Protein backbone atom coordinates (compact mmCIF):
# COMPACT_ATOMS: atom_id res chain seq x y z
CA MET A 1 -9.97 14.72 -0.32
CA ARG A 2 -10.76 13.14 3.08
CA ILE A 3 -8.58 10.52 4.42
CA ILE A 4 -10.16 8.30 7.46
CA GLU A 5 -9.09 5.13 9.36
CA ASP A 6 -11.25 2.57 8.13
CA ASP A 7 -12.89 -0.45 9.66
CA LEU A 8 -13.13 -2.38 6.01
CA THR A 9 -17.17 -2.79 6.75
CA GLY A 10 -18.13 -0.85 3.97
CA VAL A 11 -19.49 -2.03 0.72
CA GLU A 12 -17.27 0.28 -1.19
CA ILE A 13 -14.08 -0.17 0.42
CA ARG A 14 -14.64 -4.28 0.21
CA ALA A 15 -15.20 -3.90 -3.45
CA LEU A 16 -12.06 -1.93 -3.92
CA LEU A 17 -10.02 -4.29 -2.16
CA GLU A 18 -11.37 -7.30 -3.92
CA SER A 19 -10.41 -5.45 -6.88
CA HIS A 20 -7.07 -4.99 -5.73
CA PHE A 21 -6.65 -8.73 -4.81
CA ALA A 22 -7.76 -9.65 -8.06
CA GLY A 23 -5.28 -7.45 -9.89
CA MET A 24 -2.50 -8.53 -7.97
CA LEU A 25 -3.42 -12.03 -9.00
CA ALA A 26 -3.73 -11.21 -12.75
CA ASN A 27 -0.15 -9.59 -12.71
CA SER A 28 1.80 -11.99 -10.75
CA PRO A 29 1.66 -15.99 -9.67
CA PRO A 30 -0.27 -16.34 -6.50
CA GLU A 31 3.06 -17.54 -4.67
CA SER A 32 4.39 -13.97 -5.62
CA CYS A 33 1.35 -12.24 -4.33
CA HIS A 34 1.93 -10.68 -0.82
CA PHE A 35 -1.30 -8.56 -0.42
CA LEU A 36 -3.18 -8.75 3.12
CA ASP A 37 -6.48 -10.48 2.71
CA PHE A 38 -9.33 -8.96 4.96
CA ASP A 39 -8.45 -10.76 8.32
CA GLY A 40 -4.61 -9.61 7.69
CA LEU A 41 -5.61 -5.86 7.10
CA ASN A 42 -7.69 -6.09 10.44
CA ALA A 43 -4.68 -7.46 12.17
CA PRO A 44 -3.85 -5.37 15.45
CA ASP A 45 -0.50 -4.43 13.81
CA VAL A 46 -2.35 -3.02 10.79
CA THR A 47 -3.63 0.61 10.22
CA PHE A 48 -5.88 0.73 7.33
CA TRP A 49 -7.29 4.05 5.65
CA SER A 50 -9.88 4.98 2.79
CA ILE A 51 -9.53 8.10 0.88
CA TRP A 52 -12.77 10.08 -0.15
CA ASP A 53 -13.57 12.51 -2.64
CA GLY A 54 -16.76 13.95 -1.59
CA GLU A 55 -19.04 10.78 -0.92
CA LYS A 56 -16.80 8.56 -3.53
CA LEU A 57 -14.53 6.25 -2.50
CA ALA A 58 -11.02 7.20 -4.26
CA GLY A 59 -8.73 4.81 -2.88
CA CYS A 60 -6.90 3.08 0.05
CA GLY A 61 -3.78 2.23 1.97
CA ALA A 62 -2.39 0.48 5.07
CA LEU A 63 0.60 0.69 7.55
CA LYS A 64 1.83 -2.55 9.11
CA GLU A 65 4.21 -2.30 12.09
CA LEU A 66 7.10 -4.54 11.31
CA SER A 67 8.89 -3.30 14.55
CA ASN A 68 9.09 -0.32 16.60
CA ASP A 69 11.08 1.48 14.20
CA HIS A 70 10.12 0.02 10.84
CA GLY A 71 6.76 0.18 8.99
CA GLU A 72 5.59 -1.54 5.92
CA ILE A 73 3.16 0.04 2.99
CA LYS A 74 0.49 -2.17 2.25
CA SER A 75 -2.61 -2.40 0.21
CA MET A 76 -1.97 0.94 -1.63
CA ARG A 77 -4.76 1.25 -4.67
CA THR A 78 -6.60 3.85 -6.42
CA HIS A 79 -10.12 3.43 -7.64
CA GLY A 80 -10.28 3.32 -11.34
CA ASP A 81 -12.51 6.44 -11.29
CA HIS A 82 -9.60 8.46 -9.56
CA LEU A 83 -6.58 7.51 -11.60
CA ARG A 84 -4.14 10.30 -12.25
CA LYS A 85 -6.11 12.60 -9.85
CA GLY A 86 -3.52 12.64 -7.21
CA VAL A 87 -5.12 9.97 -4.75
CA GLY A 88 -2.07 7.76 -4.55
CA ALA A 89 0.33 10.63 -3.89
CA ALA A 90 -2.11 11.89 -1.03
CA MET A 91 -2.42 8.51 0.48
CA LEU A 92 1.24 8.14 0.24
CA ILE A 93 2.04 11.08 2.04
CA HIS A 94 -0.22 10.59 4.72
CA ILE A 95 1.21 6.84 5.23
CA ILE A 96 4.81 8.57 5.43
CA SER A 97 3.48 11.20 8.05
CA GLN A 98 1.82 8.54 10.27
CA GLY A 99 5.39 6.63 9.88
CA ARG A 100 7.08 9.87 11.08
CA ARG A 101 4.22 10.50 13.97
CA ARG A 102 5.04 6.79 15.50
CA ARG A 103 8.91 7.62 15.15
CA TYR A 104 9.60 4.65 12.68
CA HIS A 105 12.96 5.15 11.16
CA ARG A 106 12.29 3.65 7.91
CA LEU A 107 9.24 2.55 5.66
CA SER A 108 9.59 -0.37 3.23
CA LEU A 109 7.27 -1.97 0.73
CA GLU A 110 6.94 -4.98 -1.88
CA THR A 111 5.50 -4.27 -5.12
CA GLY A 112 5.18 -6.18 -8.31
CA SER A 113 7.91 -5.85 -10.99
CA SER A 114 5.66 -6.39 -13.93
CA GLU A 115 4.56 -3.56 -16.38
CA GLY A 116 1.29 -3.22 -14.69
CA PHE A 117 2.86 -2.02 -11.38
CA LEU A 118 5.07 0.70 -13.12
CA PRO A 119 2.77 3.48 -11.85
CA ALA A 120 3.19 2.61 -8.39
CA ARG A 121 6.96 2.01 -8.52
CA THR A 122 6.97 5.86 -10.36
CA LEU A 123 4.88 6.87 -7.36
CA TYR A 124 7.15 5.47 -4.50
CA GLU A 125 10.32 6.80 -6.83
CA ALA A 126 9.13 10.02 -7.10
CA HIS A 127 8.78 10.51 -3.09
CA GLY A 128 12.10 9.08 -2.49
CA PHE A 129 12.01 5.36 -2.21
CA LYS A 130 14.93 3.44 -3.31
CA TYR A 131 15.04 0.02 -4.03
CA CYS A 132 16.35 -2.59 -1.71
CA ALA A 133 17.29 -6.13 -0.89
CA PRO A 134 13.99 -8.19 0.75
CA PHE A 135 13.14 -7.23 4.15
CA GLY A 136 11.28 -9.17 6.98
CA ASN A 137 10.14 -12.50 5.65
CA TYR A 138 10.48 -11.65 1.95
CA VAL A 139 12.90 -13.44 -0.30
CA GLU A 140 14.19 -12.35 -3.73
CA ASP A 141 11.64 -13.20 -6.23
CA PRO A 142 11.54 -12.03 -9.96
CA PHE A 143 8.10 -10.86 -9.60
CA SER A 144 8.90 -8.49 -6.45
CA ARG A 145 10.54 -5.22 -6.27
CA PHE A 146 11.31 -4.25 -2.84
CA MET A 147 11.57 -0.35 -1.80
CA THR A 148 12.41 1.71 1.48
CA LEU A 149 12.61 5.19 2.55
CA ALA A 150 14.36 6.44 5.48
CA ILE A 151 12.24 8.76 7.55
């Protein structure tokens, strides 16, 4: 698999992100959905990557800089044709390594609390993320779980 910094202009990545947005809204009320839209993912403080298996888009992920020592993982999504093939783990390892390269002390994330988000929570737990209190501008929400990893 090959991970590239992505400018979000490709048809494949736009379709995957549209699916991601719809999935978030299907599993949580709109006021509890904290995904970045296309403009948010193109912001200067966000780096966005796509992961490819040959010529096929396999997934994506992003890293938002919260401060000079804290990053937030955003928009982790595996394409439905590539589930359970290690795509999410590969992207997560890449994002963690980028956080270390940037000399962040911590990576954090917000994910959903419903059953639909269990695979994501399991992946993060397997890579050492621990549950934590809300960070940044987040507040307690029964539809959200917050996780963090000291790096």
